[in-house]
PDB file of N, CA and C in Angstrom:
ATOM      1  N   MET A   1      -9.055 -76.441  84.340  1.00  0.00           N
ATOM      2  CA  MET A   1      -9.077 -75.169  85.028  1.00  0.00           C
ATOM      3  C   MET A   1      -8.438 -75.268  86.405  1.00  0.00           C
ATOM      4  N   ILE A   2      -8.577 -76.420  87.039  1.00  0.00           N
ATOM      5  CA  ILE A   2      -7.972 -76.589  88.356  1.00  0.00           C
ATOM      6  C   ILE A   2      -6.455 -76.460  88.247  1.00  0.00           C
ATOM      7  N   GLN A   3      -5.867 -77.106  87.241  1.00  0.00           N
ATOM      8  CA  GLN A   3      -4.421 -77.031  87.064  1.00  0.00           C
ATOM      9  C   GLN A   3      -3.993 -75.608  86.731  1.00  0.00           C
ATOM     10  N   LEU A   4      -4.779 -74.908  85.948  1.00  0.00           N
ATOM     11  CA  LEU A   4      -4.460 -73.527  85.587  1.00  0.00           C
ATOM     12  C   LEU A   4      -4.409 -72.639  86.827  1.00  0.00           C
ATOM     13  N   ALA A   5      -5.300 -72.882  87.761  1.00  0.00           N
ATOM     14  CA  ALA A   5      -5.360 -72.078  88.980  1.00  0.00           C
ATOM     15  C   ALA A   5      -4.138 -72.288  89.878  1.00  0.00           C
ATOM     16  N   HIS A   6      -3.347 -73.313  89.599  1.00  0.00           N
ATOM     17  CA  HIS A   6      -2.125 -73.559  90.376  1.00  0.00           C
ATOM     18  C   HIS A   6      -0.962 -72.694  89.901  1.00  0.00           C
ATOM     19  N   HIS A   7      -1.168 -71.940  88.843  1.00  0.00           N
ATOM     20  CA  HIS A   7      -0.110 -71.106  88.272  1.00  0.00           C
ATOM     21  C   HIS A   7      -0.437 -69.628  88.459  1.00  0.00           C
ATOM     22  N   ALA A   8       0.611 -68.831  88.582  1.00  0.00           N
ATOM     23  CA  ALA A   8       0.437 -67.382  88.680  1.00  0.00           C
ATOM     24  C   ALA A   8       0.180 -66.812  87.283  1.00  0.00           C
ATOM     25  N   GLU A   9      -0.528 -65.717  87.238  1.00  0.00           N
ATOM     26  CA  GLU A   9      -0.857 -65.077  85.964  1.00  0.00           C
ATOM     27  C   GLU A   9       0.404 -64.787  85.145  1.00  0.00           C
ATOM     28  N   HIS A  10       1.454 -64.304  85.793  1.00  0.00           N
ATOM     29  CA  HIS A  10       2.669 -63.960  85.059  1.00  0.00           C
ATOM     30  C   HIS A  10       3.330 -65.197  84.450  1.00  0.00           C
ATOM     31  N   GLU A  11       3.147 -66.367  85.066  1.00  0.00           N
ATOM     32  CA  GLU A  11       3.693 -67.601  84.495  1.00  0.00           C
ATOM     33  C   GLU A  11       2.973 -67.962  83.201  1.00  0.00           C
ATOM     34  N   ILE A  12       1.676 -67.843  83.193  1.00  0.00           N
ATOM     35  CA  ILE A  12       0.885 -68.168  82.002  1.00  0.00           C
ATOM     36  C   ILE A  12       1.156 -67.154  80.900  1.00  0.00           C
ATOM     37  N   ALA A  13       1.340 -65.892  81.279  1.00  0.00           N
ATOM     38  CA  ALA A  13       1.590 -64.837  80.299  1.00  0.00           C
ATOM     39  C   ALA A  13       2.894 -65.051  79.541  1.00  0.00           C
ATOM     40  N   THR A  14       3.826 -65.815  80.099  1.00  0.00           N
ATOM     41  CA  THR A  14       5.097 -66.045  79.420  1.00  0.00           C
ATOM     42  C   THR A  14       5.012 -67.139  78.356  1.00  0.00           C
ATOM     43  N   LEU A  15       3.911 -67.860  78.314  1.00  0.00           N
ATOM     44  CA  LEU A  15       3.765 -68.923  77.320  1.00  0.00           C
ATOM     45  C   LEU A  15       3.623 -68.338  75.913  1.00  0.00           C
ATOM     46  N   HIS A  16       4.188 -69.025  74.941  1.00  0.00           N
ATOM     47  CA  HIS A  16       4.142 -68.570  73.550  1.00  0.00           C
ATOM     48  C   HIS A  16       2.688 -68.410  73.097  1.00  0.00           C
ATOM     49  N   GLY A  17       2.384 -67.272  72.536  1.00  0.00           N
ATOM     50  CA  GLY A  17       1.047 -67.011  72.017  1.00  0.00           C
ATOM     51  C   GLY A  17       0.046 -66.523  73.053  1.00  0.00           C
ATOM     52  N   MET A  18       0.457 -66.404  74.285  1.00  0.00           N
ATOM     53  CA  MET A  18      -0.464 -65.971  75.334  1.00  0.00           C
ATOM     54  C   MET A  18      -0.309 -64.472  75.555  1.00  0.00           C
ATOM     55  N   GLY A  19      -1.279 -63.726  75.084  1.00  0.00           N
ATOM     56  CA  GLY A  19      -1.244 -62.273  75.218  1.00  0.00           C
ATOM     57  C   GLY A  19      -2.305 -61.789  76.184  1.00  0.00           C
ATOM     58  N   PRO A  20      -2.487 -60.483  76.235  1.00  0.00           N
ATOM     59  CA  PRO A  20      -3.466 -59.899  77.165  1.00  0.00           C
ATOM     60  C   PRO A  20      -4.884 -60.424  76.966  1.00  0.00           C
ATOM     61  N   LYS A  21      -5.282 -60.624  75.712  1.00  0.00           N
ATOM     62  CA  LYS A  21      -6.643 -61.118  75.452  1.00  0.00           C
ATOM     63  C   LYS A  21      -6.804 -62.543  75.982  1.00  0.00           C
ATOM     64  N   GLY A  22      -5.803 -63.393  75.769  1.00  0.00           N
ATOM     65  CA  GLY A  22      -5.859 -64.762  76.268  1.00  0.00           C
ATOM     66  C   GLY A  22      -5.925 -64.810  77.784  1.00  0.00           C
ATOM     67  N   ILE A  23      -5.126 -63.974  78.422  1.00  0.00           N
ATOM     68  CA  ILE A  23      -5.146 -63.905  79.890  1.00  0.00           C
ATOM     69  C   ILE A  23      -6.527 -63.463  80.368  1.00  0.00           C
ATOM     70  N   ARG A  24      -7.088 -62.477  79.709  1.00  0.00           N
ATOM     71  CA  ARG A  24      -8.417 -61.977  80.083  1.00  0.00           C
ATOM     72  C   ARG A  24      -9.472 -63.084  79.951  1.00  0.00           C
ATOM     73  N   ILE A  25      -9.417 -63.851  78.860  1.00  0.00           N
ATOM     74  CA  ILE A  25     -10.373 -64.937  78.647  1.00  0.00           C
ATOM     75  C   ILE A  25     -10.211 -66.009  79.726  1.00  0.00           C
ATOM     76  N   LEU A  26      -8.964 -66.357  80.040  1.00  0.00           N
ATOM     77  CA  LEU A  26      -8.724 -67.364  81.073  1.00  0.00           C
ATOM     78  C   LEU A  26      -9.188 -66.883  82.444  1.00  0.00           C
ATOM     79  N   LYS A  27      -8.950 -65.607  82.757  1.00  0.00           N
ATOM     80  CA  LYS A  27      -9.405 -65.061  84.041  1.00  0.00           C
ATOM     81  C   LYS A  27     -10.921 -65.131  84.154  1.00  0.00           C
ATOM     82  N   GLN A  28     -11.617 -64.839  83.049  1.00  0.00           N
ATOM     83  CA  GLN A  28     -13.081 -64.908  83.058  1.00  0.00           C
ATOM     84  C   GLN A  28     -13.567 -66.338  83.254  1.00  0.00           C
ATOM     85  N   ALA A  29     -12.892 -67.292  82.589  1.00  0.00           N
ATOM     86  CA  ALA A  29     -13.274 -68.694  82.719  1.00  0.00           C
ATOM     87  C   ALA A  29     -13.005 -69.200  84.135  1.00  0.00           C
ATOM     88  N   LEU A  30     -11.888 -68.800  84.713  1.00  0.00           N
ATOM     89  CA  LEU A  30     -11.590 -69.172  86.091  1.00  0.00           C
ATOM     90  C   LEU A  30     -12.623 -68.573  87.044  1.00  0.00           C
ATOM     91  N   ALA A  31     -12.937 -67.309  86.847  1.00  0.00           N
ATOM     92  CA  ALA A  31     -13.906 -66.626  87.718  1.00  0.00           C
ATOM     93  C   ALA A  31     -15.277 -67.288  87.650  1.00  0.00           C
ATOM     94  N   ALA A  32     -15.659 -67.784  86.475  1.00  0.00           N
ATOM     95  CA  ALA A  32     -16.951 -68.449  86.318  1.00  0.00           C
ATOM     96  C   ALA A  32     -17.031 -69.712  87.177  1.00  0.00           C
ATOM     97  N   GLN A  33     -15.859 -70.276  87.511  1.00  0.00           N
ATOM     98  CA  GLN A  33     -15.811 -71.466  88.369  1.00  0.00           C
ATOM     99  C   GLN A  33     -15.418 -71.115  89.804  1.00  0.00           C
ATOM    100  N   GLY A  34     -15.368 -69.817  90.102  1.00  0.00           N
ATOM    101  CA  GLY A  34     -15.008 -69.383  91.450  1.00  0.00           C
ATOM    102  C   GLY A  34     -13.525 -69.549  91.749  1.00  0.00           C
ATOM    103  N   ARG A  35     -12.710 -69.521  90.709  1.00  0.00           N
ATOM    104  CA  ARG A  35     -11.263 -69.701  90.867  1.00  0.00           C
ATOM    105  C   ARG A  35     -10.531 -68.465  90.374  1.00  0.00           C
ATOM    106  N   ASP A  36      -9.234 -68.446  90.600  1.00  0.00           N
ATOM    107  CA  ASP A  36      -8.375 -67.363  90.116  1.00  0.00           C
ATOM    108  C   ASP A  36      -6.971 -67.921  89.982  1.00  0.00           C
ATOM    109  N   PHE A  37      -6.112 -67.172  89.306  1.00  0.00           N
ATOM    110  CA  PHE A  37      -4.717 -67.568  89.233  1.00  0.00           C
ATOM    111  C   PHE A  37      -4.128 -67.552  90.636  1.00  0.00           C
ATOM    112  N   ARG A  38      -3.076 -68.355  90.844  1.00  0.00           N
ATOM    113  CA  ARG A  38      -2.382 -68.369  92.130  1.00  0.00           C
ATOM    114  C   ARG A  38      -1.809 -66.987  92.397  1.00  0.00           C
ATOM    115  N   ARG A  39      -1.933 -66.551  93.604  1.00  0.00           N
ATOM    116  CA  ARG A  39      -1.368 -65.264  94.008  1.00  0.00           C
ATOM    117  C   ARG A  39       0.012 -65.525  94.588  1.00  0.00           C
ATOM    118  N   ASP A  40       1.020 -64.864  94.030  1.00  0.00           N
ATOM    119  CA  ASP A  40       2.368 -64.997  94.565  1.00  0.00           C
ATOM    120  C   ASP A  40       2.517 -64.081  95.760  1.00  0.00           C
ATOM    121  N   SER A  41       2.996 -64.639  96.856  1.00  0.00           N
ATOM    122  CA  SER A  41       3.276 -63.810  98.014  1.00  0.00           C
ATOM    123  C   SER A  41       4.748 -63.457  97.997  1.00  0.00           C
ATOM    124  N   ALA A  42       5.109 -62.407  98.667  1.00  0.00           N
ATOM    125  CA  ALA A  42       6.498 -61.972  98.709  1.00  0.00           C
ATOM    126  C   ALA A  42       7.358 -63.080  99.301  1.00  0.00           C
ATOM    127  N   GLY A  43       8.436 -63.404  98.603  1.00  0.00           N
ATOM    128  CA  GLY A  43       9.344 -64.419  99.077  1.00  0.00           C
ATOM    129  C   GLY A  43       8.905 -65.841  98.789  1.00  0.00           C
ATOM    130  N   SER A  44       7.890 -66.012  97.932  1.00  0.00           N
ATOM    131  CA  SER A  44       7.455 -67.369  97.630  1.00  0.00           C
ATOM    132  C   SER A  44       8.480 -68.084  96.788  1.00  0.00           C
ATOM    133  N   ALA A  45       8.574 -69.372  96.970  1.00  0.00           N
ATOM    134  CA  ALA A  45       9.559 -70.175  96.239  1.00  0.00           C
ATOM    135  C   ALA A  45       9.121 -70.345  94.785  1.00  0.00           C
ATOM    136  N   GLN A  46      10.042 -70.223  93.873  1.00  0.00           N
ATOM    137  CA  GLN A  46       9.735 -70.394  92.459  1.00  0.00           C
ATOM    138  C   GLN A  46       9.720 -71.861  92.055  1.00  0.00           C
ATOM    139  N   ASN A  47      10.201 -72.737  92.892  1.00  0.00           N
ATOM    140  CA  ASN A  47      10.278 -74.146  92.545  1.00  0.00           C
ATOM    141  C   ASN A  47       9.163 -74.952  93.182  1.00  0.00           C
ATOM    142  N   ASP A  48       8.001 -74.355  93.376  1.00  0.00           N
ATOM    143  CA  ASP A  48       6.860 -75.067  93.943  1.00  0.00           C
ATOM    144  C   ASP A  48       6.485 -76.248  93.059  1.00  0.00           C
ATOM    145  N   ALA A  49       6.201 -77.371  93.674  1.00  0.00           N
ATOM    146  CA  ALA A  49       5.773 -78.543  92.915  1.00  0.00           C
ATOM    147  C   ALA A  49       4.374 -78.285  92.371  1.00  0.00           C
ATOM    148  N   CYS A  50       4.159 -78.783  91.216  1.00  0.00           N
ATOM    149  CA  CYS A  50       2.865 -78.566  90.581  1.00  0.00           C
ATOM    150  C   CYS A  50       2.417 -79.807  89.840  1.00  0.00           C
ATOM    151  N   CYS A  51       1.179 -79.978  89.760  1.00  0.00           N
ATOM    152  CA  CYS A  51       0.479 -80.964  88.924  1.00  0.00           C
ATOM    153  C   CYS A  51       0.890 -82.343  89.311  1.00  0.00           C
TER     154      CYS A  51
END
């Protein structure tokens, strides 16, 4: 879940098989741990290092 929180919701939504229901389930699981998807700010770099 920690690694998932490093990604923006729209990035996860582009994965094969990831639809609205999957996003909703992941958001609930993240929220249960006090986390959320990364929030993209205006002008943020798309090449952020991850993991």
